[in-house]
Protein backbone atom coordinates (compact mmCIF):
# COMPACT_ATOMS: atom_id res chain seq x y z
CA MET A 1 242.61 66.19 20.37
CA SER A 2 243.49 63.35 22.78
CA ASP A 3 245.43 60.23 21.81
CA TYR A 4 242.24 58.18 22.06
CA GLU A 5 240.38 60.55 19.74
CA ARG A 6 243.18 60.28 17.18
CA ILE A 7 243.20 56.49 17.33
CA ALA A 8 239.38 56.35 17.21
CA ARG A 9 239.44 58.41 14.04
CA VAL A 10 241.92 55.96 12.49
CA ILE A 11 239.82 52.95 13.51
CA ARG A 12 236.76 54.60 11.96
CA TYR A 13 238.74 55.20 8.76
CA LEU A 14 239.95 51.60 8.69
CA GLU A 15 236.38 50.35 8.98
CA ALA A 16 235.45 52.30 5.87
CA HIS A 17 238.65 51.75 3.84
CA HIS A 18 240.17 48.42 4.96
CA GLY A 19 239.78 46.97 1.46
CA GLU A 20 242.04 49.68 0.06
CA GLN A 21 244.89 48.68 2.39
CA PRO A 22 245.71 52.30 3.30
CA ASP A 23 249.39 52.97 3.84
CA LEU A 24 251.03 54.55 6.85
CA ALA A 25 250.92 58.04 5.35
CA GLN A 26 247.15 57.83 4.82
CA LEU A 27 246.56 56.68 8.39
CA ALA A 28 248.86 59.36 9.77
CA ALA A 29 246.89 61.98 7.86
CA GLN A 30 243.67 60.79 9.52
CA ALA A 31 245.31 61.25 12.91
CA GLY A 32 246.67 64.67 11.98
CA LEU A 33 250.24 63.62 12.74
CA SER A 34 253.47 63.07 10.90
CA VAL A 35 254.19 59.50 9.82
CA TYR A 36 256.88 59.19 12.51
CA HIS A 37 254.73 60.49 15.36
CA PHE A 38 251.67 58.49 14.27
CA HIS A 39 253.65 55.24 14.05
CA ARG A 40 255.07 55.85 17.51
CA LEU A 41 251.70 56.80 19.07
CA PHE A 42 249.83 53.88 17.52
CA SER A 43 252.50 51.36 18.50
CA VAL A 44 252.43 52.54 22.11
CA TRP A 45 248.62 52.59 22.22
CA ALA A 46 247.92 49.24 20.54
CA GLY A 47 251.10 47.37 21.40
CA VAL A 48 251.63 46.51 17.71
CA THR A 49 252.57 48.53 14.66
CA PRO A 50 249.86 49.99 12.40
CA LYS A 51 250.92 47.50 9.70
CA ASP A 52 250.43 44.52 11.99
CA PHE A 53 247.12 45.90 13.21
CA LEU A 54 245.89 46.30 9.63
CA ARG A 55 247.01 42.75 8.90
CA CYS A 56 244.79 41.57 11.75
CA LEU A 57 241.86 43.47 10.31
CA THR A 58 242.46 42.00 6.87
CA LEU A 59 242.35 38.48 8.26
CA ALA A 60 239.24 39.41 10.20
CA HIS A 61 237.57 40.61 7.00
CA VAL A 62 238.01 37.19 5.43
CA LYS A 63 236.24 35.60 8.38
CA GLN A 64 233.56 38.27 8.34
CA ARG A 65 232.63 37.54 4.73
CA LEU A 66 231.69 34.02 5.80
CA ARG A 67 229.27 35.34 8.36
CA GLU A 68 226.59 38.02 8.38
CA GLY A 69 228.08 40.96 6.53
CA GLU A 70 228.61 43.06 9.65
CA SER A 71 231.20 45.85 9.55
CA VAL A 72 234.77 44.60 9.45
CA LEU A 73 235.90 45.44 12.95
CA GLY A 74 232.63 44.50 14.59
CA ALA A 75 232.08 41.08 13.01
CA ALA A 76 235.76 40.18 12.93
CA LEU A 77 236.25 40.82 16.60
CA ALA A 78 233.02 39.01 17.36
CA ALA A 79 234.02 35.98 15.31
CA GLY A 80 237.71 35.38 15.39
CA PHE A 81 239.97 37.34 17.68
CA SER A 82 239.39 35.49 20.91
CA GLY A 83 242.80 33.88 21.25
CA PRO A 84 245.47 36.59 21.60
CA SER A 85 245.83 38.19 24.98
CA ARG A 86 247.18 41.56 26.03
CA LEU A 87 249.09 39.72 28.77
CA HIS A 88 247.15 41.95 31.11
CA ASP A 89 245.96 39.90 34.06
CA LEU A 90 243.94 42.59 35.76
CA CYS A 91 243.38 41.44 39.30
CA VAL A 92 240.28 42.94 40.90
CA LYS A 93 238.97 42.15 44.37
CA PHE A 94 235.27 42.63 43.72
CA GLU A 95 232.71 43.11 46.50
CA ALA A 96 229.01 43.92 46.48
CA ALA A 97 227.47 46.61 48.64
CA SER A 98 225.32 45.38 51.50
CA PRO A 99 221.55 46.09 51.36
CA GLY A 100 222.08 48.83 53.92
CA GLU A 101 224.82 50.43 51.84
CA VAL A 102 222.63 50.29 48.73
CA LYS A 103 219.78 51.95 50.60
CA SER A 104 221.97 54.67 52.09
CA SER A 105 223.34 55.72 48.65
CA GLY A 106 226.71 56.48 50.24
CA ARG A 107 225.49 58.44 53.27
CA GLY A 108 228.38 58.92 55.69
CA TRP A 109 230.97 58.17 53.01
CA GLN A 110 233.60 60.46 51.59
CA LEU A 111 234.35 59.66 47.97
CA GLU A 112 237.69 60.77 46.63
CA PHE A 113 237.25 61.36 42.91
CA GLY A 114 239.22 62.80 40.04
CA PHE A 115 239.84 62.92 36.32
CA ALA A 116 242.61 61.07 34.52
CA SER A 117 243.63 60.20 30.97
CA SER A 118 243.28 56.64 29.68
CA PRO A 119 243.96 55.02 26.30
CA PHE A 120 240.25 55.57 25.55
CA GLY A 121 239.83 59.19 26.55
CA GLU A 122 239.41 60.91 29.87
CA CYS A 123 238.02 58.96 32.83
CA ILE A 124 236.35 59.98 36.04
CA LEU A 125 237.13 57.63 38.92
CA ALA A 126 235.88 57.58 42.50
CA GLU A 127 237.02 55.57 45.52
CA GLY A 128 235.12 55.03 48.74
CA PRO A 129 235.94 53.26 51.98
CA ARG A 130 235.70 49.87 50.26
CA GLY A 131 237.55 50.65 47.05
CA ILE A 132 236.75 51.88 43.56
CA CYS A 133 233.02 52.49 43.31
CA TYR A 134 232.77 54.43 40.07
CA LEU A 135 234.72 54.52 36.81
CA ALA A 136 233.36 56.06 33.63
CA PHE A 137 234.66 57.36 30.34
CA GLY A 138 233.93 60.98 29.54
CA GLU A 139 234.31 63.43 26.72
CA SER A 140 236.64 66.39 26.47
CA GLY A 141 235.22 69.57 27.95
CA ARG A 142 232.29 67.84 29.70
CA ARG A 143 233.59 67.32 33.22
CA ARG A 144 230.57 68.92 34.88
CA GLU A 145 228.31 66.35 33.24
CA ALA A 146 230.62 63.55 34.31
CA GLU A 147 230.63 64.77 37.92
CA ALA A 148 226.83 65.12 37.84
CA ARG A 149 226.51 61.45 36.81
CA LEU A 150 228.81 60.48 39.68
CA ALA A 151 226.56 62.42 42.04
CA GLU A 152 223.52 60.56 40.68
CA ALA A 153 225.24 57.24 41.34
CA TRP A 154 226.17 58.11 44.95
CA PRO A 155 223.84 61.00 45.87
CA ALA A 156 224.34 60.96 49.64
CA ALA A 157 228.14 60.75 49.66
CA VAL A 158 230.48 63.66 50.26
CA ARG A 159 232.81 64.12 47.30
CA LYS A 160 236.38 65.39 47.46
CA ARG A 161 238.35 65.93 44.27
CA ASN A 162 241.87 64.49 43.98
CA ASP A 163 243.06 64.21 40.39
CA ALA A 164 246.53 62.98 41.39
CA ALA A 165 245.07 59.95 43.18
CA ALA A 166 242.80 59.21 40.22
CA VAL A 167 245.76 59.30 37.84
CA ARG A 168 247.62 56.72 39.94
CA VAL A 169 244.68 54.32 40.03
CA VAL A 170 243.75 54.71 36.36
CA ASP A 171 247.36 53.99 35.45
CA ARG A 172 247.11 50.68 37.28
CA VAL A 173 243.80 49.84 35.64
CA PHE A 174 245.10 50.19 32.09
CA ARG A 175 248.73 49.06 32.28
CA PRO A 176 249.79 45.38 32.28
CA ALA A 177 250.21 43.80 35.68
CA ARG A 178 253.82 43.37 36.78
CA GLY A 179 253.28 39.69 37.52
CA ASP A 180 255.84 39.68 40.33
CA GLY A 181 253.33 39.10 43.10
CA HIS A 182 254.14 42.39 44.84
CA GLU A 183 251.08 44.38 43.74
CA GLN A 184 247.94 44.20 45.80
CA PRO A 185 244.72 43.56 43.82
CA LEU A 186 242.61 46.57 42.99
CA ARG A 187 239.63 46.77 45.35
CA ALA A 188 236.27 47.54 43.77
CA MET A 189 232.74 47.73 45.14
CA VAL A 190 229.44 47.75 43.26
CA SER A 191 225.93 48.73 44.26
CA GLY A 192 223.19 46.74 42.58
CA SER A 193 220.51 44.07 42.88
CA ALA A 194 221.45 40.47 43.56
CA PHE A 195 220.76 39.65 39.90
CA GLN A 196 222.95 42.50 38.65
CA VAL A 197 225.80 41.42 40.89
CA ARG A 198 225.58 37.87 39.53
CA VAL A 199 225.81 39.20 35.98
CA TRP A 200 228.77 41.43 36.83
CA ARG A 201 230.59 38.56 38.54
CA ALA A 202 230.07 36.44 35.42
CA LEU A 203 231.49 39.25 33.29
CA LEU A 204 234.69 39.12 35.31
CA GLN A 205 235.14 35.54 34.11
CA VAL A 206 235.21 36.53 30.42
CA PRO A 207 238.92 36.38 29.48
CA VAL A 208 240.78 39.29 27.97
CA GLY A 209 240.50 39.05 24.18
CA SER A 210 237.31 36.96 24.32
CA LEU A 211 233.68 37.88 23.72
CA VAL A 212 230.35 36.55 24.99
CA SER A 213 226.77 36.99 23.84
CA TYR A 214 223.95 38.15 26.10
CA GLY A 215 222.48 34.66 25.82
CA GLY A 216 225.80 33.09 26.69
CA LEU A 217 226.08 35.30 29.75
CA ALA A 218 222.54 34.38 30.78
CA THR A 219 223.44 30.70 30.49
CA ALA A 220 226.58 31.29 32.54
CA ILE A 221 224.51 32.50 35.50
CA GLY A 222 222.07 29.60 35.15
CA GLN A 223 219.19 31.60 33.65
CA PRO A 224 219.32 30.96 29.87
CA ALA A 225 215.92 32.63 29.28
CA ALA A 226 217.00 35.90 30.91
CA ALA A 227 219.04 37.43 28.08
CA ARG A 228 217.04 40.68 28.13
CA ALA A 229 217.45 41.09 31.88
CA VAL A 230 221.17 40.35 31.47
CA GLY A 231 221.35 43.12 28.89
CA ALA A 232 219.80 45.57 31.34
CA ALA A 233 222.28 44.55 34.05
CA VAL A 234 225.20 44.95 31.66
CA ALA A 235 224.00 48.45 30.77
CA ALA A 236 223.79 49.39 34.45
CA ASN A 237 227.49 48.72 35.09
CA ARG A 238 229.22 51.67 36.81
CA LEU A 239 232.76 50.32 36.61
CA ALA A 240 233.85 50.83 33.01
CA TYR A 241 236.53 48.38 31.87
CA LEU A 242 237.03 46.91 35.37
CA ILE A 243 233.80 44.99 34.83
CA PRO A 244 234.24 44.28 31.11
CA CYS A 245 230.77 44.91 29.72
CA HIS A 246 232.47 45.87 26.43
CA ARG A 247 233.06 42.14 25.84
CA VAL A 248 229.34 41.41 25.45
CA ILE A 249 227.90 41.25 21.92
CA ARG A 250 224.58 40.32 20.34
CA GLU A 251 223.77 36.74 19.33
CA THR A 252 224.15 37.70 15.65
CA GLY A 253 227.74 38.78 16.18
CA VAL A 254 226.93 42.49 15.95
CA VAL A 255 228.97 44.50 18.46
CA GLY A 256 225.91 46.40 19.67
CA GLU A 257 225.53 49.43 21.90
CA TYR A 258 227.76 50.56 24.73
CA ARG A 259 227.08 52.95 27.57
CA TRP A 260 230.20 54.97 26.72
CA GLY A 261 229.82 54.88 22.91
CA GLN A 262 229.90 52.14 20.29
CA LEU A 263 233.14 53.39 18.77
CA ARG A 264 234.83 53.25 22.17
CA LYS A 265 233.53 49.68 22.55
CA ARG A 266 235.10 48.72 19.22
CA ALA A 267 238.35 50.37 20.26
CA LEU A 268 238.38 48.49 23.59
CA ILE A 269 237.79 45.15 21.86
CA ALA A 270 240.45 45.89 19.27
CA TRP A 271 242.96 46.93 21.93
CA GLU A 272 242.43 43.68 23.82
CA SER A 273 242.61 41.55 20.69
CA VAL A 274 246.20 42.25 19.67
CA PRO A 275 249.10 40.39 21.31
CA ARG A 276 251.48 42.29 23.56
CA THR A 277 254.87 41.48 24.89
């Protein structure tokens, strides 16, 4: 079981049992670890102790009861946890593919791809001549499916596997920026319609720890009546986390669906909503 799978199990347990204020031993049992090892793993993963994380969820529950009755983590994160930041200023140089590049589907390109661990499970990442062009979360033991989806995204490209390179890039994606001005921005390229690119650019403006509704995103691109089309563009995102489609929720405050799993979406929002030093 990966670290993400252990933490996801604990988050699921907290959703069901937050009112009981489970102690550290109960949470450790859900993760299948000793109290010591669970406390250490959770603190590294979330940046706060399990006790502090539970305190956040308790406060969120109070806010949630004033709203719609959505599940604790979902409604709380939708309603209240927009202030704290992970102090992670992810700098991404984002470019759109030209019409010719979109049409060619990567013909003449060599994509270097590989698998790497992240705080949210295994990732598959691919880089082309213009930067990162694919990043997706996967599930343990299903690498062939993940590679098949990469091939569907860039069917005409030649693919060369390099796990070591993927590990280096994924590490940069998920760790806090150094802030010393010495790191070059990550380069990323997307292939999509002009409308999709506008939506994805707007998503990059949603701050870490904040959330936006589909309607709010539609308004941000100057098309307030296009919430459904915005939803379709969000779902078509091929750069997990880099383009933060996990920060989009429904108008009612419900967390909603996510291409890589609703539980992973909740975990991403939770991870971004706790302060880090």
